[in-house]
Every structure is written in C-alpha cells, then in structure tokens.
Amino acid sequence: MIIALVQIPMDGPKRPEKEAIAQSLESTRIFHRVKGLRRKYYLNSDAGGGGVYEFETREAAEEWFNEGWADWMEGRFGARPTLTLFDSPVMLDNLAGEVRVNGVPVSAPWGDEG
C-alpha cells in the first residue's frame, strides 16, 4: 500500500468548514474514478489544504501523480502542491481491531493482553 501526502499552501485564514466540505464533496466527482485509489482524506488547516491518499500500489499512485499533475493542481488552486509518497506495509485499524501487513491480517501483538 502507498500513502500519498499532498499539501497545498494557501494564504489567509483556514477555509470555513462548510466551504471546505462543499469543495471536497464536489471534487469526489474526480477522485471516485481514480484507478487504484482506495481512500482519500481531505485536509483543511491554517497552512492550506491537501489530502492523504491511500493507493493499492505505487504504480497506481504514480499514474495519478503524473508529470502534468502539479501543473493541473496549480491551475486549480493557484499554488503549487507538494507531494510525498510513503510505502505503508503495516496498517493498524482500531475500528476493526486488526493489524494488516501488506494487506493481510496478522496476529495483533497485543492479542494476548485481552
């Protein structure tokens, strides 16, 4: 699994929550079709916006974040984004009470703690 962190610097105060939600919901029209994208978390802060993306593979992430991607984003937001890709072989899911390694559930190290 690959985690991508996109940060878009923006001047001014943090966007109001209603505005951030409306813009994010509208952009799901684009992102629900991205091949290999499992999840996207939309970010909003005093420093700007962005997203945390979970991709199935590095190839899928690199296909989306292609050579023209940063130019496209700069055109949309008026600021050039930064992108960091992370390998994420281990995932803790507290809601499901499980740990996964490369997508496969494994025995949780705390399993015997009850």
C-alpha atoms as a PDB file:
ATOM      1  CA  MET A   1       0.000   0.000   0.000  1.00  0.00           C
ATOM      2  CA  ILE A   2       1.136   3.539  -0.760  1.00  0.00           C
ATOM      3  CA  ILE A   3       0.173   6.646   1.189  1.00  0.00           C
ATOM      4  CA  ALA A   4       0.460   9.966  -0.619  1.00  0.00           C
ATOM      5  CA  LEU A   5       0.518  13.238   1.258  1.00  0.00           C
ATOM      6  CA  VAL A   6      -0.426  16.279  -0.820  1.00  0.00           C
ATOM      7  CA  GLN A   7      -0.082  19.726   0.701  1.00  0.00           C
ATOM      8  CA  ILE A   8      -1.375  22.871  -0.983  1.00  0.00           C
ATOM      9  CA  PRO A   9      -0.126  26.060   0.638  1.00  0.00           C
ATOM     10  CA  MET A  10      -2.712  28.837   0.786  1.00  0.00           C
ATOM     11  CA  ASP A  11      -2.528  32.385   2.062  1.00  0.00           C
ATOM     12  CA  GLY A  12      -5.072  33.641   4.500  1.00  0.00           C
ATOM     13  CA  PRO A  13      -7.101  32.015   7.223  1.00  0.00           C
ATOM     14  CA  LYS A  14      -8.312  28.450   7.242  1.00  0.00           C
ATOM     15  CA  ARG A  15     -11.298  27.884   4.943  1.00  0.00           C
ATOM     16  CA  PRO A  16     -14.615  27.778   6.787  1.00  0.00           C
ATOM     17  CA  GLU A  17     -15.702  24.184   7.382  1.00  0.00           C
ATOM     18  CA  LYS A  18     -18.824  24.478   5.199  1.00  0.00           C
ATOM     19  CA  GLU A  19     -16.720  25.773   2.285  1.00  0.00           C
ATOM     20  CA  ALA A  20     -14.099  23.047   2.730  1.00  0.00           C
ATOM     21  CA  ILE A  21     -16.811  20.369   2.831  1.00  0.00           C
ATOM     22  CA  ALA A  22     -18.568  21.728  -0.264  1.00  0.00           C
ATOM     23  CA  GLN A  23     -15.319  21.892  -2.262  1.00  0.00           C
ATOM     24  CA  SER A  24     -14.266  18.432  -1.098  1.00  0.00           C
ATOM     25  CA  LEU A  25     -17.618  16.852  -1.916  1.00  0.00           C
ATOM     26  CA  GLU A  26     -17.537  18.409  -5.382  1.00  0.00           C
ATOM     27  CA  SER A  27     -14.051  17.010  -6.034  1.00  0.00           C
ATOM     28  CA  THR A  28     -15.193  13.471  -5.240  1.00  0.00           C
ATOM     29  CA  ARG A  29     -16.614  13.572  -8.786  1.00  0.00           C
ATOM     30  CA  ILE A  30     -12.985  13.360  -9.937  1.00  0.00           C
ATOM     31  CA  PHE A  31     -11.450  11.120  -7.308  1.00  0.00           C
ATOM     32  CA  HIS A  32     -14.015   8.330  -7.182  1.00  0.00           C
ATOM     33  CA  ARG A  33     -12.758   7.302 -10.648  1.00  0.00           C
ATOM     34  CA  VAL A  34      -9.009   7.263  -9.901  1.00  0.00           C
ATOM     35  CA  LYS A  35      -7.645   3.811 -10.624  1.00  0.00           C
ATOM     36  CA  GLY A  36      -6.157   2.132  -7.557  1.00  0.00           C
ATOM     37  CA  LEU A  37      -7.246   4.851  -5.111  1.00  0.00           C
ATOM     38  CA  ARG A  38      -8.728   3.198  -2.022  1.00  0.00           C
ATOM     39  CA  ARG A  39      -9.342   6.232   0.158  1.00  0.00           C
ATOM     40  CA  LYS A  40      -8.783   9.964   0.219  1.00  0.00           C
ATOM     41  CA  TYR A  41      -8.874  12.095   3.340  1.00  0.00           C
ATOM     42  CA  TYR A  42      -9.420  15.800   2.647  1.00  0.00           C
ATOM     43  CA  LEU A  43      -7.344  18.216   4.718  1.00  0.00           C
ATOM     44  CA  ASN A  44      -8.019  21.794   5.809  1.00  0.00           C
ATOM     45  CA  SER A  45      -5.799  23.919   8.049  1.00  0.00           C
ATOM     46  CA  ASP A  46      -4.416  27.396   8.602  1.00  0.00           C
ATOM     47  CA  ALA A  47      -1.475  26.382   6.391  1.00  0.00           C
ATOM     48  CA  GLY A  48      -3.705  25.388   3.471  1.00  0.00           C
ATOM     49  CA  GLY A  49      -5.329  22.239   2.193  1.00  0.00           C
ATOM     50  CA  GLY A  50      -4.488  18.930   0.664  1.00  0.00           C
ATOM     51  CA  GLY A  51      -5.171  15.279   1.062  1.00  0.00           C
ATOM     52  CA  VAL A  52      -3.980  11.942   2.317  1.00  0.00           C
ATOM     53  CA  TYR A  53      -4.458   9.279  -0.338  1.00  0.00           C
ATOM     54  CA  GLU A  54      -4.318   5.514   0.069  1.00  0.00           C
ATOM     55  CA  PHE A  55      -3.381   3.693  -3.142  1.00  0.00           C
ATOM     56  CA  GLU A  56      -3.249  -0.034  -3.808  1.00  0.00           C
ATOM     57  CA  THR A  57       0.166   0.186  -5.475  1.00  0.00           C
ATOM     58  CA  ARG A  58       2.984   2.610  -6.197  1.00  0.00           C
ATOM     59  CA  GLU A  59       2.228   2.223  -9.901  1.00  0.00           C
ATOM     60  CA  ALA A  60      -1.347   3.433  -9.375  1.00  0.00           C
ATOM     61  CA  ALA A  61      -0.135   6.405  -7.333  1.00  0.00           C
ATOM     62  CA  GLU A  62       2.477   7.334  -9.922  1.00  0.00           C
ATOM     63  CA  GLU A  63      -0.092   7.037 -12.701  1.00  0.00           C
ATOM     64  CA  TRP A  64      -2.311   9.592 -10.942  1.00  0.00           C
ATOM     65  CA  PHE A  65       0.506  11.868  -9.786  1.00  0.00           C
ATOM     66  CA  ASN A  66       1.951  12.068 -13.295  1.00  0.00           C
ATOM     67  CA  GLU A  67       4.147  14.730 -14.868  1.00  0.00           C
ATOM     68  CA  GLY A  68       1.274  17.156 -15.503  1.00  0.00           C
ATOM     69  CA  TRP A  69      -0.448  16.693 -12.152  1.00  0.00           C
ATOM     70  CA  ALA A  70       1.297  19.532 -10.252  1.00  0.00           C
ATOM     71  CA  ASP A  71       0.587  21.986 -13.098  1.00  0.00           C
ATOM     72  CA  TRP A  72      -3.092  20.943 -13.096  1.00  0.00           C
ATOM     73  CA  MET A  73      -3.299  21.435  -9.316  1.00  0.00           C
ATOM     74  CA  GLU A  74      -1.586  24.813  -9.501  1.00  0.00           C
ATOM     75  CA  GLY A  75      -4.132  25.878 -12.101  1.00  0.00           C
ATOM     76  CA  ARG A  76      -6.997  24.801  -9.838  1.00  0.00           C
ATOM     77  CA  PHE A  77      -5.721  26.265  -6.565  1.00  0.00           C
ATOM     78  CA  GLY A  78      -3.250  28.979  -7.565  1.00  0.00           C
ATOM     79  CA  ALA A  79      -0.475  27.312  -5.572  1.00  0.00           C
ATOM     80  CA  ARG A  80       1.954  24.527  -6.417  1.00  0.00           C
ATOM     81  CA  PRO A  81       1.378  21.447  -4.251  1.00  0.00           C
ATOM     82  CA  THR A  82       3.998  19.281  -2.631  1.00  0.00           C
ATOM     83  CA  LEU A  83       3.753  15.510  -2.890  1.00  0.00           C
ATOM     84  CA  THR A  84       5.335  12.856  -0.692  1.00  0.00           C
ATOM     85  CA  LEU A  85       4.829   9.132  -1.335  1.00  0.00           C
ATOM     86  CA  PHE A  86       5.241   6.672   1.521  1.00  0.00           C
ATOM     87  CA  ASP A  87       5.402   2.877   1.496  1.00  0.00           C
ATOM     88  CA  SER A  88       2.973   1.671   4.157  1.00  0.00           C
ATOM     89  CA  PRO A  89       3.395  -2.060   4.738  1.00  0.00           C
ATOM     90  CA  VAL A  90       1.767  -2.101   8.209  1.00  0.00           C
ATOM     91  CA  MET A  91      -1.677  -0.728   8.995  1.00  0.00           C
ATOM     92  CA  LEU A  92      -3.420  -0.636  12.371  1.00  0.00           C
ATOM     93  CA  ASP A  93      -7.205  -0.437  12.197  1.00  0.00           C
ATOM     94  CA  ASN A  94      -8.550   0.268  15.676  1.00  0.00           C
ATOM     95  CA  LEU A  95     -12.140   0.304  14.399  1.00  0.00           C
ATOM     96  CA  ALA A  96     -11.800  -3.260  13.115  1.00  0.00           C
ATOM     97  CA  GLY A  97      -9.408  -4.287  15.902  1.00  0.00           C
ATOM     98  CA  GLU A  98      -6.827  -5.628  13.493  1.00  0.00           C
ATOM     99  CA  VAL A  99      -3.337  -5.208  12.124  1.00  0.00           C
ATOM    100  CA  ARG A 100      -2.521  -5.849   8.472  1.00  0.00           C
ATOM    101  CA  VAL A 101       0.838  -6.413   6.818  1.00  0.00           C
ATOM    102  CA  ASN A 102       0.784  -5.823   3.073  1.00  0.00           C
ATOM    103  CA  GLY A 103      -2.999  -6.032   3.210  1.00  0.00           C
ATOM    104  CA  VAL A 104      -3.121  -9.374   5.044  1.00  0.00           C
ATOM    105  CA  PRO A 105      -4.450  -9.597   8.622  1.00  0.00           C
ATOM    106  CA  VAL A 106      -1.840 -10.753  11.140  1.00  0.00           C
ATOM    107  CA  SER A 107      -1.972 -11.627  14.817  1.00  0.00           C
ATOM    108  CA  ALA A 108      -2.031  -8.425  16.788  1.00  0.00           C
ATOM    109  CA  PRO A 109       0.976  -8.094  19.117  1.00  0.00           C
ATOM    110  CA  TRP A 110      -1.393  -7.124  21.928  1.00  0.00           C
ATOM    111  CA  GLY A 111      -3.759 -10.058  21.230  1.00  0.00           C
ATOM    112  CA  ASP A 112      -2.902 -11.883  24.437  1.00  0.00           C
ATOM    113  CA  GLU A 113      -3.409  -8.757  26.588  1.00  0.00           C
ATOM    114  CA  GLY A 114      -7.174  -9.209  26.462  1.00  0.00           C
END
